Amino acid sequence: MDINGISKFFETHKQRGDALVLATVIDTRGSTYSKAGAQMLIDAEGRFRGMLSGGCLEGDLAVRAQAVLESGKGQVVTYDLSQDDEELWGLGVGCEGVMRVLLQALDKNYEPYASVVDILQGDVAGEVTLTHDDLVVTVDVRPPPRLLVLGAGPDAEPVVRIAAELGWRSTVSDHRPAYVASGGFKDACSTHCVPADNVAETIDLSAHQMAIVMSHHLVSDLSYLRQLAETDIGYIGLLGPASRRDRLLRELGNAAQKLEGRLHGPAGLDIGGRGPASIALSIIAEMHQQYYGNG
């Protein structure tokens, strides 16, 4: 889900008092673009944020949303994507799955989506209950992860930028004022210019689920790793070759044992890329795999 996009869409319409329809996937069978719990919002003009399919169902959902707003009654629609192409609007979907979607108008307090937003903006997963006639659906909502970027060089900028595309919340820290003030971290939630040894005193490390150490400064990286070793952060990435990683682990001494199973160095999946953007993509991909794949 495009967390940033749908959240901004929601807040803008809420501030204006606009009517909105929430579309939620309540169950699926077979191969479908989205699974149960996926959501999108649709306004009175048919504009929407979030996607439940690759674009083949959104137009129909927008039309149905208008009917929901006009009648004041929600509805459940079943899309059988295993039907012959000509039977499904001639779109050539071929997904071979079935998706059931609940459409409901948000009430005057913008519930139930207001509760979804509250969870997304926090740090604790939760559940939101949706009701329609005799139907009761519980949706699991998981806040986007918090990413700690230790090192604010030019190659850190695409890491933060790609993370923001996913709705992740990044914190950036570096001991070099020029790097922090470069202006390249507008997508970060916060930036800090503090000595490497003082990061744990300035930033709540325990609030983060992932961290990437990329200062290109050996002494600073050693300090970062020493402090991260004392946390429960599940993914800790380290930029640089394996030989550099091994040297840092030797210098960490006994503290290195606390990083076992969590330290990924060289950080990133081997996707064959070169340059800051490709490296950033490989790092975010590995983080995504660890956080959601092992979820």
C-alpha atoms as a PDB file:
ATOM      1  CA  MET A   1       0.000   0.000   0.000  1.00  0.00           C
ATOM      2  CA  ASP A   2       1.181   3.521  -0.822  1.00  0.00           C
ATOM      3  CA  ILE A   3       1.102   4.588   2.819  1.00  0.00           C
ATOM      4  CA  ASN A   4       2.271   8.153   2.253  1.00  0.00           C
ATOM      5  CA  GLY A   5      -0.042   8.747  -0.682  1.00  0.00           C
ATOM      6  CA  ILE A   6      -3.177   7.337   0.901  1.00  0.00           C
ATOM      7  CA  SER A   7      -2.491   9.083   4.226  1.00  0.00           C
ATOM      8  CA  LYS A   8      -2.087  12.490   2.545  1.00  0.00           C
ATOM      9  CA  PHE A   9      -5.206  11.841   0.457  1.00  0.00           C
ATOM     10  CA  PHE A  10      -7.130  11.004   3.629  1.00  0.00           C
ATOM     11  CA  GLU A  11      -5.915  14.014   5.610  1.00  0.00           C
ATOM     12  CA  THR A  12      -6.640  16.440   2.759  1.00  0.00           C
ATOM     13  CA  HIS A  13     -10.207  15.226   2.346  1.00  0.00           C
ATOM     14  CA  LYS A  14     -10.779  15.034   6.075  1.00  0.00           C
ATOM     15  CA  GLN A  15      -9.721  18.663   6.545  1.00  0.00           C
ATOM     16  CA  ARG A  16     -12.169  19.715   3.831  1.00  0.00           C
ATOM     17  CA  GLY A  17     -14.958  17.551   5.187  1.00  0.00           C
ATOM     18  CA  ASP A  18     -15.218  15.574   1.949  1.00  0.00           C
ATOM     19  CA  ALA A  19     -17.024  12.253   1.715  1.00  0.00           C
ATOM     20  CA  LEU A  20     -14.839   9.180   1.267  1.00  0.00           C
ATOM     21  CA  VAL A  21     -15.432   5.507   0.585  1.00  0.00           C
ATOM     22  CA  LEU A  22     -13.126   2.841   1.985  1.00  0.00           C
ATOM     23  CA  ALA A  23     -12.602  -0.279  -0.126  1.00  0.00           C
ATOM     24  CA  THR A  24     -11.139  -3.249   1.732  1.00  0.00           C
ATOM     25  CA  VAL A  25     -10.191  -6.682   0.437  1.00  0.00           C
ATOM     26  CA  ILE A  26     -11.937  -9.041   2.850  1.00  0.00           C
ATOM     27  CA  ASP A  27     -10.857 -12.354   1.355  1.00  0.00           C
ATOM     28  CA  THR A  28      -9.223 -13.852  -1.721  1.00  0.00           C
ATOM     29  CA  ARG A  29      -8.765 -17.179  -3.437  1.00  0.00           C
ATOM     30  CA  GLY A  30      -6.048 -18.092  -5.891  1.00  0.00           C
ATOM     31  CA  SER A  31      -3.689 -15.561  -7.461  1.00  0.00           C
ATOM     32  CA  THR A  32      -4.664 -11.938  -6.803  1.00  0.00           C
ATOM     33  CA  TYR A  33      -2.800  -8.620  -6.850  1.00  0.00           C
ATOM     34  CA  SER A  34      -3.811  -7.847  -3.247  1.00  0.00           C
ATOM     35  CA  LYS A  35      -4.578 -10.016  -0.262  1.00  0.00           C
ATOM     36  CA  ALA A  36      -7.039  -9.664   2.607  1.00  0.00           C
ATOM     37  CA  GLY A  37      -6.596  -6.375   4.464  1.00  0.00           C
ATOM     38  CA  ALA A  38      -5.465  -4.281   1.483  1.00  0.00           C
ATOM     39  CA  GLN A  39      -7.316  -0.958   1.304  1.00  0.00           C
ATOM     40  CA  MET A  40      -7.926   2.050  -0.917  1.00  0.00           C
ATOM     41  CA  LEU A  41      -9.865   5.302  -0.536  1.00  0.00           C
ATOM     42  CA  ILE A  42     -12.180   6.800  -3.155  1.00  0.00           C
ATOM     43  CA  ASP A  43     -13.636  10.309  -3.122  1.00  0.00           C
ATOM     44  CA  ALA A  44     -16.918  11.634  -4.528  1.00  0.00           C
ATOM     45  CA  GLU A  45     -15.235  12.502  -7.841  1.00  0.00           C
ATOM     46  CA  GLY A  46     -13.970   8.980  -8.343  1.00  0.00           C
ATOM     47  CA  ARG A  47     -10.380   9.859  -7.487  1.00  0.00           C
ATOM     48  CA  PHE A  48      -8.587   7.279  -5.400  1.00  0.00           C
ATOM     49  CA  ARG A  49      -5.398   6.385  -3.583  1.00  0.00           C
ATOM     50  CA  GLY A  50      -4.181   2.908  -2.918  1.00  0.00           C
ATOM     51  CA  MET A  51      -4.595  -0.016  -5.314  1.00  0.00           C
ATOM     52  CA  LEU A  52      -6.325  -3.351  -4.942  1.00  0.00           C
ATOM     53  CA  SER A  53      -5.376  -4.565  -8.418  1.00  0.00           C
ATOM     54  CA  GLY A  54      -2.924  -3.598 -11.118  1.00  0.00           C
ATOM     55  CA  GLY A  55      -5.436  -1.044 -12.380  1.00  0.00           C
ATOM     56  CA  CYS A  56      -8.051  -3.366 -13.833  1.00  0.00           C
ATOM     57  CA  LEU A  57     -10.569  -3.106 -10.970  1.00  0.00           C
ATOM     58  CA  GLU A  58     -10.103   0.446  -9.737  1.00  0.00           C
ATOM     59  CA  GLY A  59     -12.381   2.001 -12.352  1.00  0.00           C
ATOM     60  CA  ASP A  60     -15.245  -0.291 -11.435  1.00  0.00           C
ATOM     61  CA  LEU A  61     -14.626   0.279  -7.727  1.00  0.00           C
ATOM     62  CA  ALA A  62     -14.797   4.044  -8.303  1.00  0.00           C
ATOM     63  CA  VAL A  63     -18.200   3.666  -9.963  1.00  0.00           C
ATOM     64  CA  ARG A  64     -19.452   1.450  -7.160  1.00  0.00           C
ATOM     65  CA  ALA A  65     -18.143   3.949  -4.590  1.00  0.00           C
ATOM     66  CA  GLN A  66     -20.412   6.633  -6.065  1.00  0.00           C
ATOM     67  CA  ALA A  67     -23.384   4.318  -5.581  1.00  0.00           C
ATOM     68  CA  VAL A  68     -22.354   3.768  -1.965  1.00  0.00           C
ATOM     69  CA  LEU A  69     -22.194   7.522  -1.343  1.00  0.00           C
ATOM     70  CA  GLU A  70     -25.533   8.141  -3.059  1.00  0.00           C
ATOM     71  CA  SER A  71     -27.385   5.349  -1.272  1.00  0.00           C
ATOM     72  CA  GLY A  72     -25.574   5.531   2.044  1.00  0.00           C
ATOM     73  CA  LYS A  73     -25.346   1.741   1.970  1.00  0.00           C
ATOM     74  CA  GLY A  74     -22.169  -0.278   1.789  1.00  0.00           C
ATOM     75  CA  GLN A  75     -21.788  -3.224  -0.503  1.00  0.00           C
ATOM     76  CA  VAL A  76     -19.690  -6.329  -0.993  1.00  0.00           C
ATOM     77  CA  VAL A  77     -18.543  -7.119  -4.519  1.00  0.00           C
ATOM     78  CA  THR A  78     -16.871 -10.276  -5.752  1.00  0.00           C
ATOM     79  CA  TYR A  79     -14.396 -10.117  -8.640  1.00  0.00           C
ATOM     80  CA  ASP A  80     -13.775 -13.476 -10.237  1.00  0.00           C
ATOM     81  CA  LEU A  81     -10.554 -12.851 -12.148  1.00  0.00           C
ATOM     82  CA  SER A  82     -10.483 -16.445 -13.349  1.00  0.00           C
ATOM     83  CA  GLN A  83     -13.320 -15.705 -15.759  1.00  0.00           C
ATOM     84  CA  ASP A  84     -12.646 -15.613 -19.468  1.00  0.00           C
ATOM     85  CA  ASP A  85     -11.148 -12.260 -20.511  1.00  0.00           C
ATOM     86  CA  GLU A  86     -14.194 -11.243 -22.517  1.00  0.00           C
ATOM     87  CA  GLU A  87     -16.407 -11.836 -19.495  1.00  0.00           C
ATOM     88  CA  LEU A  88     -14.319  -9.490 -17.357  1.00  0.00           C
ATOM     89  CA  TRP A  89     -14.718  -6.295 -19.382  1.00  0.00           C
ATOM     90  CA  GLY A  90     -12.318  -7.552 -22.055  1.00  0.00           C
ATOM     91  CA  LEU A  91      -9.314  -6.371 -20.041  1.00  0.00           C
ATOM     92  CA  GLY A  92      -7.172  -9.456 -20.463  1.00  0.00           C
ATOM     93  CA  VAL A  93      -6.602  -9.710 -16.700  1.00  0.00           C
ATOM     94  CA  GLY A  94      -5.718 -13.392 -16.453  1.00  0.00           C
ATOM     95  CA  CYS A  95      -4.986 -13.343 -12.706  1.00  0.00           C
ATOM     96  CA  GLU A  96      -6.803 -16.630 -12.105  1.00  0.00           C
ATOM     97  CA  GLY A  97      -8.067 -15.585  -8.669  1.00  0.00           C
ATOM     98  CA  VAL A  98     -11.136 -14.404  -6.813  1.00  0.00           C
ATOM     99  CA  MET A  99     -11.263 -11.253  -4.678  1.00  0.00           C
ATOM    100  CA  ARG A 100     -14.084 -10.063  -2.417  1.00  0.00           C
ATOM    101  CA  VAL A 101     -14.143  -6.352  -1.580  1.00  0.00           C
ATOM    102  CA  LEU A 102     -16.164  -4.404   0.988  1.00  0.00           C
ATOM    103  CA  LEU A 103     -17.024  -0.797   0.117  1.00  0.00           C
ATOM    104  CA  GLN A 104     -18.281   1.448   2.896  1.00  0.00           C
ATOM    105  CA  ALA A 105     -18.656   5.197   3.358  1.00  0.00           C
ATOM    106  CA  LEU A 106     -16.613   6.685   6.194  1.00  0.00           C
ATOM    107  CA  ASP A 107     -18.771   8.157   8.953  1.00  0.00           C
ATOM    108  CA  LYS A 108     -18.689  11.759  10.195  1.00  0.00           C
ATOM    109  CA  ASN A 109     -15.633  10.952  12.310  1.00  0.00           C
ATOM    110  CA  TYR A 110     -13.977   9.333   9.274  1.00  0.00           C
ATOM    111  CA  GLU A 111     -14.097   5.935  10.874  1.00  0.00           C
ATOM    112  CA  PRO A 112     -13.087   3.234  10.465  1.00  0.00           C
ATOM    113  CA  TYR A 113     -10.140   4.609   8.473  1.00  0.00           C
ATOM    114  CA  ALA A 114      -9.243   7.195  11.115  1.00  0.00           C
ATOM    115  CA  SER A 115      -8.335   4.281  13.380  1.00  0.00           C
ATOM    116  CA  VAL A 116      -6.180   2.779  10.628  1.00  0.00           C
ATOM    117  CA  VAL A 117      -4.272   6.066  10.309  1.00  0.00           C
ATOM    118  CA  ASP A 118      -3.719   6.231  14.074  1.00  0.00           C
ATOM    119  CA  ILE A 119      -2.064   2.816  13.988  1.00  0.00           C
ATOM    120  CA  LEU A 120       0.004   3.602  10.890  1.00  0.00           C
ATOM    121  CA  GLN A 121       1.370   6.733  12.548  1.00  0.00           C
ATOM    122  CA  GLY A 122       2.338   4.861  15.712  1.00  0.00           C
ATOM    123  CA  ASP A 123       4.722   2.036  16.435  1.00  0.00           C
ATOM    124  CA  VAL A 124       2.447  -0.777  17.578  1.00  0.00           C
ATOM    125  CA  ALA A 125       0.465  -3.061  15.286  1.00  0.00           C
ATOM    126  CA  GLY A 126      -3.258  -3.221  15.869  1.00  0.00           C
ATOM    127  CA  GLU A 127      -6.607  -4.378  14.577  1.00  0.00           C
ATOM    128  CA  VAL A 128      -9.507  -2.431  13.112  1.00  0.00           C
ATOM    129  CA  THR A 129     -12.991  -3.942  12.910  1.00  0.00           C
ATOM    130  CA  LEU A 130     -15.193  -3.319   9.877  1.00  0.00           C
ATOM    131  CA  THR A 131     -18.913  -4.116   9.851  1.00  0.00           C
ATOM    132  CA  HIS A 132     -21.523  -4.351   7.112  1.00  0.00           C
ATOM    133  CA  ASP A 133     -24.943  -5.850   7.827  1.00  0.00           C
ATOM    134  CA  ASP A 134     -24.111  -9.217   9.413  1.00  0.00           C
ATOM    135  CA  LEU A 135     -20.541  -9.161   8.138  1.00  0.00           C
ATOM    136  CA  VAL A 136     -17.741  -8.479  10.631  1.00  0.00           C
ATOM    137  CA  VAL A 137     -14.174  -8.202   9.319  1.00  0.00           C
ATOM    138  CA  THR A 138     -11.038  -7.640  11.372  1.00  0.00           C
ATOM    139  CA  VAL A 139      -8.133  -5.998   9.541  1.00  0.00           C
ATOM    140  CA  ASP A 140      -4.596  -6.315  10.854  1.00  0.00           C
ATOM    141  CA  VAL A 141      -2.723  -3.005  10.546  1.00  0.00           C
ATOM    142  CA  ARG A 142       1.065  -2.914  10.782  1.00  0.00           C
ATOM    143  CA  PRO A 143       2.835   0.445  11.045  1.00  0.00           C
ATOM    144  CA  PRO A 144       5.620   1.052   8.530  1.00  0.00           C
ATOM    145  CA  PRO A 145       9.087   0.354   9.941  1.00  0.00           C
ATOM    146  CA  ARG A 146      11.519   2.926  11.228  1.00  0.00           C
ATOM    147  CA  LEU A 147      14.928   2.983   9.555  1.00  0.00           C
ATOM    148  CA  LEU A 148      18.069   4.410  11.128  1.00  0.00           C
ATOM    149  CA  VAL A 149      20.654   5.646   8.604  1.00  0.00           C
ATOM    150  CA  LEU A 150      24.057   6.174  10.201  1.00  0.00           C
ATOM    151  CA  GLY A 151      26.102   8.169   7.742  1.00  0.00           C
ATOM    152  CA  ALA A 152      24.770  10.991   5.575  1.00  0.00           C
ATOM    153  CA  GLY A 153      26.984  10.848   2.514  1.00  0.00           C
ATOM    154  CA  PRO A 154      25.595  11.179  -1.020  1.00  0.00           C
ATOM    155  CA  ASP A 155      24.936   7.426  -1.205  1.00  0.00           C
ATOM    156  CA  ALA A 156      22.656   7.649   1.838  1.00  0.00           C
ATOM    157  CA  GLU A 157      20.251   9.990   0.049  1.00  0.00           C
ATOM    158  CA  PRO A 158      18.751   7.361  -2.315  1.00  0.00           C
ATOM    159  CA  VAL A 159      18.371   4.966   0.629  1.00  0.00           C
ATOM    160  CA  VAL A 160      16.150   7.480   2.399  1.00  0.00           C
ATOM    161  CA  ARG A 161      14.343   8.382  -0.808  1.00  0.00           C
ATOM    162  CA  ILE A 162      13.449   4.778  -1.706  1.00  0.00           C
ATOM    163  CA  ALA A 163      12.470   4.055   1.894  1.00  0.00           C
ATOM    164  CA  ALA A 164      10.095   7.009   1.785  1.00  0.00           C
ATOM    165  CA  GLU A 165       8.466   5.598  -1.362  1.00  0.00           C
ATOM    166  CA  LEU A 166       7.567   2.572   0.736  1.00  0.00           C
ATOM    167  CA  GLY A 167       6.213   4.746   3.529  1.00  0.00           C
ATOM    168  CA  TRP A 168       9.106   3.881   5.855  1.00  0.00           C
ATOM    169  CA  ARG A 169      10.166   6.453   8.421  1.00  0.00           C
ATOM    170  CA  SER A 170      13.866   7.304   8.332  1.00  0.00           C
ATOM    171  CA  THR A 171      16.154   8.966  10.842  1.00  0.00           C
ATOM    172  CA  VAL A 172      19.561  10.134   9.603  1.00  0.00           C
ATOM    173  CA  SER A 173      22.619  10.884  11.713  1.00  0.00           C
ATOM    174  CA  ASP A 174      26.191  11.904  10.902  1.00  0.00           C
ATOM    175  CA  HIS A 175      29.016  13.670  12.709  1.00  0.00           C
ATOM    176  CA  ARG A 176      29.772  15.871   9.665  1.00  0.00           C
ATOM    177  CA  PRO A 177      27.651  19.052   9.527  1.00  0.00           C
ATOM    178  CA  ALA A 178      28.067  19.551   5.772  1.00  0.00           C
ATOM    179  CA  TYR A 179      26.622  16.129   5.019  1.00  0.00           C
ATOM    180  CA  VAL A 180      23.621  16.538   7.291  1.00  0.00           C
ATOM    181  CA  ALA A 181      22.923  20.027   5.925  1.00  0.00           C
ATOM    182  CA  SER A 182      23.217  18.944   2.290  1.00  0.00           C
ATOM    183  CA  GLY A 183      19.459  19.223   1.779  1.00  0.00           C
ATOM    184  CA  GLY A 184      19.214  15.725   0.408  1.00  0.00           C
ATOM    185  CA  PHE A 185      17.171  14.313   3.264  1.00  0.00           C
ATOM    186  CA  LYS A 186      13.830  16.064   2.920  1.00  0.00           C
ATOM    187  CA  ASP A 187      12.157  12.650   3.000  1.00  0.00           C
ATOM    188  CA  ALA A 188      13.626  11.802   6.406  1.00  0.00           C
ATOM    189  CA  CYS A 189      11.548  12.184   9.563  1.00  0.00           C
ATOM    190  CA  SER A 190      14.530  13.713  11.331  1.00  0.00           C
ATOM    191  CA  THR A 191      18.227  14.412  10.857  1.00  0.00           C
ATOM    192  CA  HIS A 192      20.907  14.734  13.524  1.00  0.00           C
ATOM    193  CA  CYS A 193      24.456  16.014  13.554  1.00  0.00           C
ATOM    194  CA  VAL A 194      26.113  14.377  16.556  1.00  0.00           C
ATOM    195  CA  PRO A 195      29.411  12.591  17.210  1.00  0.00           C
ATOM    196  CA  ALA A 196      29.184   8.882  16.458  1.00  0.00           C
ATOM    197  CA  ASP A 197      29.813   8.032  20.117  1.00  0.00           C
ATOM    198  CA  ASN A 198      26.739  10.012  21.171  1.00  0.00           C
ATOM    199  CA  VAL A 199      24.123   8.551  18.847  1.00  0.00           C
ATOM    200  CA  ALA A 200      22.478   6.401  21.521  1.00  0.00           C
ATOM    201  CA  GLU A 201      22.221   9.462  23.788  1.00  0.00           C
ATOM    202  CA  THR A 202      20.501  11.514  21.087  1.00  0.00           C
ATOM    203  CA  ILE A 203      18.318   8.987  19.264  1.00  0.00           C
ATOM    204  CA  ASP A 204      16.063   6.296  20.682  1.00  0.00           C
ATOM    205  CA  LEU A 205      17.661   3.358  18.922  1.00  0.00           C
ATOM    206  CA  SER A 206      15.062   0.940  20.284  1.00  0.00           C
ATOM    207  CA  ALA A 207      12.355   2.659  18.224  1.00  0.00           C
ATOM    208  CA  HIS A 208      13.912   1.403  14.977  1.00  0.00           C
ATOM    209  CA  GLN A 209      13.456  -1.957  13.308  1.00  0.00           C
ATOM    210  CA  MET A 210      16.303  -1.551  10.828  1.00  0.00           C
ATOM    211  CA  ALA A 211      19.624   0.266  10.642  1.00  0.00           C
ATOM    212  CA  ILE A 212      22.271   0.802   7.981  1.00  0.00           C
ATOM    213  CA  VAL A 213      25.820   1.809   8.894  1.00  0.00           C
ATOM    214  CA  MET A 214      27.310   3.741   5.975  1.00  0.00           C
ATOM    215  CA  SER A 215      29.524   6.575   7.150  1.00  0.00           C
ATOM    216  CA  HIS A 216      32.597   5.347   5.190  1.00  0.00           C
ATOM    217  CA  HIS A 217      34.516   6.307   8.321  1.00  0.00           C
ATOM    218  CA  LEU A 218      36.026   3.307  10.078  1.00  0.00           C
ATOM    219  CA  VAL A 219      36.130   4.750  13.595  1.00  0.00           C
ATOM    220  CA  SER A 220      32.567   6.043  13.337  1.00  0.00           C
ATOM    221  CA  ASP A 221      31.253   2.757  11.965  1.00  0.00           C
ATOM    222  CA  LEU A 222      32.931   0.908  14.819  1.00  0.00           C
ATOM    223  CA  SER A 223      31.190   3.171  17.317  1.00  0.00           C
ATOM    224  CA  TYR A 224      27.848   2.761  15.567  1.00  0.00           C
ATOM    225  CA  LEU A 225      28.131  -1.027  15.602  1.00  0.00           C
ATOM    226  CA  ARG A 226      29.091  -1.076  19.253  1.00  0.00           C
ATOM    227  CA  GLN A 227      25.950   0.862  20.160  1.00  0.00           C
ATOM    228  CA  LEU A 228      23.710  -1.129  17.815  1.00  0.00           C
ATOM    229  CA  ALA A 229      24.965  -4.353  19.365  1.00  0.00           C
ATOM    230  CA  GLU A 230      23.193  -3.339  22.576  1.00  0.00           C
ATOM    231  CA  THR A 231      19.819  -3.022  20.814  1.00  0.00           C
ATOM    232  CA  ASP A 232      17.232  -5.511  19.549  1.00  0.00           C
ATOM    233  CA  ILE A 233      17.188  -4.070  16.012  1.00  0.00           C
ATOM    234  CA  GLY A 234      16.533  -7.044  13.749  1.00  0.00           C
ATOM    235  CA  TYR A 235      18.356  -5.863  10.638  1.00  0.00           C
ATOM    236  CA  ILE A 236      21.715  -4.096  10.843  1.00  0.00           C
ATOM    237  CA  GLY A 237      23.377  -3.429   7.501  1.00  0.00           C
ATOM    238  CA  LEU A 238      27.009  -2.507   6.993  1.00  0.00           C
ATOM    239  CA  LEU A 239      28.327  -0.951   3.809  1.00  0.00           C
ATOM    240  CA  GLY A 240      31.685  -2.046   2.458  1.00  0.00           C
ATOM    241  CA  PRO A 241      33.484  -5.282   1.551  1.00  0.00           C
ATOM    242  CA  ALA A 242      33.631  -8.407   3.695  1.00  0.00           C
ATOM    243  CA  SER A 243      37.250  -7.690   4.668  1.00  0.00           C
ATOM    244  CA  ARG A 244      36.198  -4.358   6.192  1.00  0.00           C
ATOM    245  CA  ARG A 245      33.343  -6.062   8.039  1.00  0.00           C
ATOM    246  CA  ASP A 246      35.696  -8.660   9.459  1.00  0.00           C
ATOM    247  CA  ARG A 247      38.127  -6.007  10.631  1.00  0.00           C
ATOM    248  CA  LEU A 248      35.351  -4.135  12.421  1.00  0.00           C
ATOM    249  CA  LEU A 249      34.082  -7.320  14.059  1.00  0.00           C
ATOM    250  CA  ARG A 250      37.577  -8.126  15.329  1.00  0.00           C
ATOM    251  CA  GLU A 251      37.901  -4.668  16.821  1.00  0.00           C
ATOM    252  CA  LEU A 252      34.487  -4.996  18.469  1.00  0.00           C
ATOM    253  CA  GLY A 253      35.735  -7.993  20.433  1.00  0.00           C
ATOM    254  CA  ASN A 254      33.065  -9.722  22.542  1.00  0.00           C
ATOM    255  CA  ALA A 255      30.410  -7.209  21.453  1.00  0.00           C
ATOM    256  CA  ALA A 256      30.546  -8.741  17.976  1.00  0.00           C
ATOM    257  CA  GLN A 257      28.721 -11.823  19.299  1.00  0.00           C
ATOM    258  CA  LYS A 258      25.650  -9.694  19.974  1.00  0.00           C
ATOM    259  CA  LEU A 259      25.415  -8.894  16.269  1.00  0.00           C
ATOM    260  CA  GLU A 260      25.274 -12.525  15.144  1.00  0.00           C
ATOM    261  CA  GLY A 261      22.291 -13.231  12.935  1.00  0.00           C
ATOM    262  CA  ARG A 262      21.508  -9.524  12.603  1.00  0.00           C
ATOM    263  CA  LEU A 263      24.516  -8.005  10.853  1.00  0.00           C
ATOM    264  CA  HIS A 264      24.363  -7.984   7.063  1.00  0.00           C
ATOM    265  CA  GLY A 265      27.647  -6.990   5.507  1.00  0.00           C
ATOM    266  CA  PRO A 266      28.128  -6.258   2.749  1.00  0.00           C
ATOM    267  CA  ALA A 267      24.587  -4.936   3.010  1.00  0.00           C
ATOM    268  CA  GLY A 268      22.136  -5.537   0.198  1.00  0.00           C
ATOM    269  CA  LEU A 269      21.010  -8.270  -2.160  1.00  0.00           C
ATOM    270  CA  ASP A 270      23.341  -9.155  -5.014  1.00  0.00           C
ATOM    271  CA  ILE A 271      21.381  -7.644  -7.905  1.00  0.00           C
ATOM    272  CA  GLY A 272      24.443  -6.742  -9.952  1.00  0.00           C
ATOM    273  CA  GLY A 273      23.997  -3.001  -9.725  1.00  0.00           C
ATOM    274  CA  ARG A 274      26.594  -0.276  -9.463  1.00  0.00           C
ATOM    275  CA  GLY A 275      26.349   3.290  -8.209  1.00  0.00           C
ATOM    276  CA  PRO A 276      24.436   4.892  -5.309  1.00  0.00           C
ATOM    277  CA  ALA A 277      20.910   4.274  -6.625  1.00  0.00           C
ATOM    278  CA  SER A 278      21.496   0.593  -7.416  1.00  0.00           C
ATOM    279  CA  ILE A 279      23.231  -0.005  -4.100  1.00  0.00           C
ATOM    280  CA  ALA A 280      20.418   1.755  -2.253  1.00  0.00           C
ATOM    281  CA  LEU A 281      17.863  -0.399  -4.080  1.00  0.00           C
ATOM    282  CA  SER A 282      19.725  -3.575  -3.120  1.00  0.00           C
ATOM    283  CA  ILE A 283      19.900  -2.486   0.525  1.00  0.00           C
ATOM    284  CA  ILE A 284      16.215  -1.587   0.740  1.00  0.00           C
ATOM    285  CA  ALA A 285      15.306  -4.835  -1.040  1.00  0.00           C
ATOM    286  CA  GLU A 286      17.209  -6.879   1.538  1.00  0.00           C
ATOM    287  CA  MET A 287      15.599  -4.947   4.387  1.00  0.00           C
ATOM    288  CA  HIS A 288      12.174  -5.463   2.818  1.00  0.00           C
ATOM    289  CA  GLN A 289      12.824  -9.182   2.487  1.00  0.00           C
ATOM    290  CA  GLN A 290      13.905  -9.463   6.105  1.00  0.00           C
ATOM    291  CA  TYR A 291      11.134  -7.311   7.580  1.00  0.00           C
ATOM    292  CA  TYR A 292       8.154  -8.507   5.559  1.00  0.00           C
ATOM    293  CA  GLY A 293       9.337 -11.864   4.252  1.00  0.00           C
ATOM    294  CA  ASN A 294      10.218 -13.097   7.714  1.00  0.00           C
ATOM    295  CA  GLY A 295       7.415 -11.061   9.210  1.00  0.00           C
END
